[in-house]
């Protein structure tokens, strides 16, 4: 059960890492945002909260709210 939770967190963090790399390569992402190992560990452990924040930010940006 715990391994499943952590595996989902690792996959979600990998997804976020890929998005950050793609956006930073297209100059669509601010350069002052740091995504280090500490942030990755917190994202793996707290992925449900990170997922809610990601979806909320995506919807606000997509619908220009």
PDB file of N, CA and C in Angstrom:
ATOM      1  N   UNK A   1       0.818  -1.185   0.000  1.00  0.00           N
ATOM      2  CA  UNK A   1       0.000   0.000   0.000  1.00  0.00           C
ATOM      3  C   UNK A   1       0.872   1.263   0.000  1.00  0.00           C
ATOM      4  N   UNK A   2       1.858   1.299   0.851  1.00  0.00           N
ATOM      5  CA  UNK A   2       2.738   2.458   0.917  1.00  0.00           C
ATOM      6  C   UNK A   2       3.597   2.540  -0.352  1.00  0.00           C
ATOM      7  N   UNK A   3       4.019   1.391  -0.851  1.00  0.00           N
ATOM      8  CA  UNK A   3       4.821   1.405  -2.081  1.00  0.00           C
ATOM      9  C   UNK A   3       4.010   1.926  -3.265  1.00  0.00           C
ATOM     10  N   UNK A   4       2.730   1.606  -3.312  1.00  0.00           N
ATOM     11  CA  UNK A   4       1.866   2.106  -4.373  1.00  0.00           C
ATOM     12  C   UNK A   4       1.741   3.628  -4.287  1.00  0.00           C
ATOM     13  N   UNK A   5       1.553   4.128  -3.074  1.00  0.00           N
ATOM     14  CA  UNK A   5       1.461   5.568  -2.847  1.00  0.00           C
ATOM     15  C   UNK A   5       2.740   6.263  -3.321  1.00  0.00           C
ATOM     16  N   UNK A   6       3.893   5.709  -2.945  1.00  0.00           N
ATOM     17  CA  UNK A   6       5.171   6.307  -3.338  1.00  0.00           C
ATOM     18  C   UNK A   6       5.408   6.194  -4.838  1.00  0.00           C
ATOM     19  N   UNK A   7       4.997   5.081  -5.440  1.00  0.00           N
ATOM     20  CA  UNK A   7       5.160   4.904  -6.882  1.00  0.00           C
ATOM     21  C   UNK A   7       4.325   5.921  -7.651  1.00  0.00           C
ATOM     22  N   UNK A   8       3.103   6.157  -7.212  1.00  0.00           N
ATOM     23  CA  UNK A   8       2.279   7.185  -7.849  1.00  0.00           C
ATOM     24  C   UNK A   8       2.945   8.552  -7.690  1.00  0.00           C
ATOM     25  N   UNK A   9       3.516   8.814  -6.512  1.00  0.00           N
ATOM     26  CA  UNK A   9       4.215  10.069  -6.286  1.00  0.00           C
ATOM     27  C   UNK A   9       5.422  10.228  -7.195  1.00  0.00           C
ATOM     28  N   UNK A  10       6.169   9.167  -7.404  1.00  0.00           N
ATOM     29  CA  UNK A  10       7.339   9.218  -8.300  1.00  0.00           C
ATOM     30  C   UNK A  10       6.891   9.479  -9.735  1.00  0.00           C
ATOM     31  N   UNK A  11       5.840   8.820 -10.174  1.00  0.00           N
ATOM     32  CA  UNK A  11       5.345   9.015 -11.547  1.00  0.00           C
ATOM     33  C   UNK A  11       4.820  10.439 -11.720  1.00  0.00           C
ATOM     34  N   UNK A  12       4.079  10.941 -10.739  1.00  0.00           N
ATOM     35  CA  UNK A  12       3.565  12.308 -10.811  1.00  0.00           C
ATOM     36  C   UNK A  12       4.708  13.323 -10.827  1.00  0.00           C
ATOM     37  N   UNK A  13       5.714  13.106  -9.987  1.00  0.00           N
ATOM     38  CA  UNK A  13       6.859  14.015  -9.940  1.00  0.00           C
ATOM     39  C   UNK A  13       7.630  13.977 -11.254  1.00  0.00           C
ATOM     40  N   UNK A  14       7.766  12.813 -11.856  1.00  0.00           N
ATOM     41  CA  UNK A  14       8.411  12.712 -13.165  1.00  0.00           C
ATOM     42  C   UNK A  14       7.623  13.494 -14.208  1.00  0.00           C
ATOM     43  N   UNK A  15       6.298  13.408 -14.158  1.00  0.00           N
ATOM     44  CA  UNK A  15       5.433  14.145 -15.073  1.00  0.00           C
ATOM     45  C   UNK A  15       5.649  15.654 -14.912  1.00  0.00           C
ATOM     46  N   UNK A  16       5.679  16.139 -13.686  1.00  0.00           N
ATOM     47  CA  UNK A  16       5.895  17.552 -13.419  1.00  0.00           C
ATOM     48  C   UNK A  16       7.292  17.974 -13.878  1.00  0.00           C
ATOM     49  N   UNK A  17       8.272  17.128 -13.648  1.00  0.00           N
ATOM     50  CA  UNK A  17       9.647  17.426 -14.064  1.00  0.00           C
ATOM     51  C   UNK A  17       9.748  17.556 -15.582  1.00  0.00           C
ATOM     52  N   UNK A  18       9.074  16.686 -16.315  1.00  0.00           N
ATOM     53  CA  UNK A  18       9.082  16.747 -17.779  1.00  0.00           C
ATOM     54  C   UNK A  18       8.401  18.030 -18.252  1.00  0.00           C
ATOM     55  N   UNK A  19       7.288  18.397 -17.632  1.00  0.00           N
ATOM     56  CA  UNK A  19       6.591  19.626 -18.006  1.00  0.00           C
ATOM     57  C   UNK A  19       7.478  20.842 -17.755  1.00  0.00           C
ATOM     58  N   UNK A  20       8.154  20.870 -16.612  1.00  0.00           N
ATOM     59  CA  UNK A  20       9.046  21.996 -16.309  1.00  0.00           C
ATOM     60  C   UNK A  20      10.171  22.083 -17.332  1.00  0.00           C
ATOM     61  N   UNK A  21      10.748  20.949 -17.701  1.00  0.00           N
ATOM     62  CA  UNK A  21      11.822  20.956 -18.708  1.00  0.00           C
ATOM     63  C   UNK A  21      11.319  21.433 -20.068  1.00  0.00           C
ATOM     64  N   UNK A  22      10.137  20.974 -20.479  1.00  0.00           N
ATOM     65  CA  UNK A  22       9.598  21.398 -21.773  1.00  0.00           C
ATOM     66  C   UNK A  22       9.292  22.890 -21.789  1.00  0.00           C
ATOM     67  N   UNK A  23       8.693  23.389 -20.719  1.00  0.00           N
ATOM     68  CA  UNK A  23       8.350  24.806 -20.671  1.00  0.00           C
ATOM     69  C   UNK A  23       9.590  25.693 -20.556  1.00  0.00           C
ATOM     70  N   UNK A  24      10.598  25.226 -19.833  1.00  0.00           N
ATOM     71  CA  UNK A  24      11.805  26.047 -19.717  1.00  0.00           C
ATOM     72  C   UNK A  24      12.587  26.072 -21.027  1.00  0.00           C
ATOM     73  N   UNK A  25      12.502  25.019 -21.816  1.00  0.00           N
ATOM     74  CA  UNK A  25      13.165  25.006 -23.122  1.00  0.00           C
ATOM     75  C   UNK A  25      12.466  25.921 -24.117  1.00  0.00           C
ATOM     76  N   UNK A  26      11.152  26.138 -23.935  1.00  0.00           N
ATOM     77  CA  UNK A  26      10.385  27.013 -24.833  1.00  0.00           C
ATOM     78  C   UNK A  26      10.320  28.442 -24.321  1.00  0.00           C
ATOM     79  N   UNK A  27      11.049  28.745 -23.253  1.00  0.00           N
ATOM     80  CA  UNK A  27      11.037  30.064 -22.618  1.00  0.00           C
ATOM     81  C   UNK A  27       9.639  30.472 -22.170  1.00  0.00           C
ATOM     82  N   UNK A  28       8.799  29.504 -21.825  1.00  0.00           N
ATOM     83  CA  UNK A  28       7.454  29.773 -21.328  1.00  0.00           C
ATOM     84  C   UNK A  28       7.394  29.666 -19.817  1.00  0.00           C
ATOM     85  N   UNK A  29       8.520  29.469 -19.193  1.00  0.00           N
ATOM     86  CA  UNK A  29       8.591  29.224 -17.756  1.00  0.00           C
ATOM     87  C   UNK A  29       9.577  30.197 -17.149  1.00  0.00           C
ATOM     88  N   UNK A  30       9.255  30.806 -16.014  1.00  0.00           N
ATOM     89  CA  UNK A  30      10.205  31.747 -15.404  1.00  0.00           C
ATOM     90  C   UNK A  30      11.516  31.063 -15.031  1.00  0.00           C
ATOM     91  N   UNK A  31      12.616  31.729 -15.248  1.00  0.00           N
ATOM     92  CA  UNK A  31      13.929  31.146 -14.971  1.00  0.00           C
ATOM     93  C   UNK A  31      14.270  31.124 -13.497  1.00  0.00           C
ATOM     94  N   UNK A  32      13.570  31.902 -12.684  1.00  0.00           N
ATOM     95  CA  UNK A  32      13.914  31.981 -11.272  1.00  0.00           C
ATOM     96  C   UNK A  32      13.267  30.873 -10.433  1.00  0.00           C
ATOM     97  N   UNK A  33      12.529  29.967 -11.029  1.00  0.00           N
ATOM     98  CA  UNK A  33      11.895  28.866 -10.302  1.00  0.00           C
ATOM     99  C   UNK A  33      12.891  27.724 -10.188  1.00  0.00           C
ATOM    100  N   UNK A  34      13.154  27.310  -8.967  1.00  0.00           N
ATOM    101  CA  UNK A  34      14.086  26.202  -8.748  1.00  0.00           C
ATOM    102  C   UNK A  34      13.297  24.925  -8.451  1.00  0.00           C
ATOM    103  N   UNK A  35      13.726  23.832  -9.016  1.00  0.00           N
ATOM    104  CA  UNK A  35      13.095  22.532  -8.812  1.00  0.00           C
ATOM    105  C   UNK A  35      14.222  21.571  -8.451  1.00  0.00           C
ATOM    106  N   UNK A  36      14.540  21.521  -7.162  1.00  0.00           N
ATOM    107  CA  UNK A  36      15.646  20.706  -6.684  1.00  0.00           C
ATOM    108  C   UNK A  36      15.166  19.395  -6.084  1.00  0.00           C
ATOM    109  N   UNK A  37      16.093  18.693  -5.483  1.00  0.00           N
ATOM    110  CA  UNK A  37      15.775  17.392  -4.904  1.00  0.00           C
ATOM    111  C   UNK A  37      14.820  17.495  -3.721  1.00  0.00           C
ATOM    112  N   UNK A  38      14.940  18.547  -2.925  1.00  0.00           N
ATOM    113  CA  UNK A  38      14.036  18.718  -1.791  1.00  0.00           C
ATOM    114  C   UNK A  38      12.590  18.894  -2.262  1.00  0.00           C
ATOM    115  N   UNK A  39      12.387  19.683  -3.305  1.00  0.00           N
ATOM    116  CA  UNK A  39      11.049  19.861  -3.857  1.00  0.00           C
ATOM    117  C   UNK A  39      10.519  18.555  -4.441  1.00  0.00           C
ATOM    118  N   UNK A  40      11.394  17.791  -5.078  1.00  0.00           N
ATOM    119  CA  UNK A  40      10.970  16.504  -5.628  1.00  0.00           C
ATOM    120  C   UNK A  40      10.548  15.534  -4.523  1.00  0.00           C
ATOM    121  N   UNK A  41      11.281  15.508  -3.428  1.00  0.00           N
ATOM    122  CA  UNK A  41      10.936  14.620  -2.314  1.00  0.00           C
ATOM    123  C   UNK A  41       9.592  15.022  -1.723  1.00  0.00           C
ATOM    124  N   UNK A  42       9.387  16.327  -1.521  1.00  0.00           N
ATOM    125  CA  UNK A  42       8.095  16.784  -1.009  1.00  0.00           C
ATOM    126  C   UNK A  42       6.970  16.462  -1.980  1.00  0.00           C
ATOM    127  N   UNK A  43       7.217  16.583  -3.267  1.00  0.00           N
ATOM    128  CA  UNK A  43       6.194  16.265  -4.263  1.00  0.00           C
ATOM    129  C   UNK A  43       5.865  14.780  -4.261  1.00  0.00           C
ATOM    130  N   UNK A  44       6.868  13.933  -4.064  1.00  0.00           N
ATOM    131  CA  UNK A  44       6.622  12.489  -3.990  1.00  0.00           C
ATOM    132  C   UNK A  44       5.792  12.149  -2.759  1.00  0.00           C
ATOM    133  N   UNK A  45       6.115  12.777  -1.635  1.00  0.00           N
ATOM    134  CA  UNK A  45       5.415  12.464  -0.389  1.00  0.00           C
ATOM    135  C   UNK A  45       4.034  13.107  -0.305  1.00  0.00           C
ATOM    136  N   UNK A  46       3.880  14.272  -0.896  1.00  0.00           N
ATOM    137  CA  UNK A  46       2.620  15.011  -0.792  1.00  0.00           C
ATOM    138  C   UNK A  46       1.944  15.158  -2.154  1.00  0.00           C
ATOM    139  N   UNK A  47       2.016  14.130  -2.989  1.00  0.00           N
ATOM    140  CA  UNK A  47       1.529  14.235  -4.347  1.00  0.00           C
ATOM    141  C   UNK A  47       0.029  14.518  -4.452  1.00  0.00           C
ATOM    142  N   UNK A  48      -0.842  14.068  -3.529  1.00  0.00           N
ATOM    143  CA  UNK A  48      -2.262  14.434  -3.697  1.00  0.00           C
ATOM    144  C   UNK A  48      -2.482  15.954  -3.611  1.00  0.00           C
ATOM    145  N   UNK A  49      -1.803  16.600  -2.680  1.00  0.00           N
ATOM    146  CA  UNK A  49      -1.918  18.043  -2.553  1.00  0.00           C
ATOM    147  C   UNK A  49      -1.294  18.734  -3.773  1.00  0.00           C
ATOM    148  N   UNK A  50      -0.169  18.228  -4.243  1.00  0.00           N
ATOM    149  CA  UNK A  50       0.477  18.799  -5.423  1.00  0.00           C
ATOM    150  C   UNK A  50      -0.401  18.631  -6.659  1.00  0.00           C
ATOM    151  N   UNK A  51      -1.118  17.527  -6.743  1.00  0.00           N
ATOM    152  CA  UNK A  51      -2.012  17.293  -7.876  1.00  0.00           C
ATOM    153  C   UNK A  51      -3.169  18.283  -7.867  1.00  0.00           C
ATOM    154  N   UNK A  52      -3.729  18.556  -6.703  1.00  0.00           N
ATOM    155  CA  UNK A  52      -4.823  19.529  -6.588  1.00  0.00           C
ATOM    156  C   UNK A  52      -4.326  20.918  -6.990  1.00  0.00           C
ATOM    157  N   UNK A  53      -3.140  21.298  -6.537  1.00  0.00           N
ATOM    158  CA  UNK A  53      -2.573  22.597  -6.893  1.00  0.00           C
ATOM    159  C   UNK A  53      -2.301  22.669  -8.393  1.00  0.00           C
ATOM    160  N   UNK A  54      -1.786  21.591  -8.970  1.00  0.00           N
ATOM    161  CA  UNK A  54      -1.500  21.559 -10.406  1.00  0.00           C
ATOM    162  C   UNK A  54      -2.781  21.708 -11.214  1.00  0.00           C
ATOM    163  N   UNK A  55      -3.814  20.961 -10.876  1.00  0.00           N
ATOM    164  CA  UNK A  55      -5.074  21.032 -11.622  1.00  0.00           C
ATOM    165  C   UNK A  55      -5.712  22.412 -11.470  1.00  0.00           C
ATOM    166  N   UNK A  56      -5.688  22.949 -10.263  1.00  0.00           N
ATOM    167  CA  UNK A  56      -6.243  24.277 -10.047  1.00  0.00           C
ATOM    168  C   UNK A  56      -5.513  25.342 -10.851  1.00  0.00           C
ATOM    169  N   UNK A  57      -4.196  25.301 -10.852  1.00  0.00           N
ATOM    170  CA  UNK A  57      -3.406  26.271 -11.612  1.00  0.00           C
ATOM    171  C   UNK A  57      -3.629  26.107 -13.109  1.00  0.00           C
ATOM    172  N   UNK A  58      -3.737  24.874 -13.552  1.00  0.00           N
ATOM    173  CA  UNK A  58      -3.984  24.617 -14.974  1.00  0.00           C
ATOM    174  C   UNK A  58      -5.324  25.191 -15.403  1.00  0.00           C
ATOM    175  N   UNK A  59      -6.361  24.954 -14.613  1.00  0.00           N
ATOM    176  CA  UNK A  59      -7.690  25.445 -14.972  1.00  0.00           C
ATOM    177  C   UNK A  59      -7.754  26.968 -14.958  1.00  0.00           C
ATOM    178  N   UNK A  60      -7.101  27.593 -13.976  1.00  0.00           N
ATOM    179  CA  UNK A  60      -7.083  29.054 -13.923  1.00  0.00           C
ATOM    180  C   UNK A  60      -6.377  29.613 -15.152  1.00  0.00           C
ATOM    181  N   UNK A  61      -5.256  29.026 -15.526  1.00  0.00           N
ATOM    182  CA  UNK A  61      -4.509  29.509 -16.686  1.00  0.00           C
ATOM    183  C   UNK A  61      -5.266  29.205 -17.988  1.00  0.00           C
ATOM    184  N   UNK A  62      -5.873  28.035 -18.090  1.00  0.00           N
ATOM    185  CA  UNK A  62      -6.558  27.634 -19.319  1.00  0.00           C
ATOM    186  C   UNK A  62      -7.802  28.476 -19.580  1.00  0.00           C
ATOM    187  N   UNK A  63      -8.568  28.761 -18.541  1.00  0.00           N
ATOM    188  CA  UNK A  63      -9.802  29.520 -18.685  1.00  0.00           C
ATOM    189  C   UNK A  63      -9.616  31.004 -18.397  1.00  0.00           C
ATOM    190  N   UNK A  64      -8.392  31.454 -18.172  1.00  0.00           N
ATOM    191  CA  UNK A  64      -8.074  32.863 -17.917  1.00  0.00           C
ATOM    192  C   UNK A  64      -8.932  33.456 -16.814  1.00  0.00           C
ATOM    193  N   UNK A  65      -9.021  32.761 -15.708  1.00  0.00           N
ATOM    194  CA  UNK A  65      -9.834  33.241 -14.574  1.00  0.00           C
ATOM    195  C   UNK A  65      -9.094  34.242 -13.736  1.00  0.00           C
TER     196      UNK A  65
END
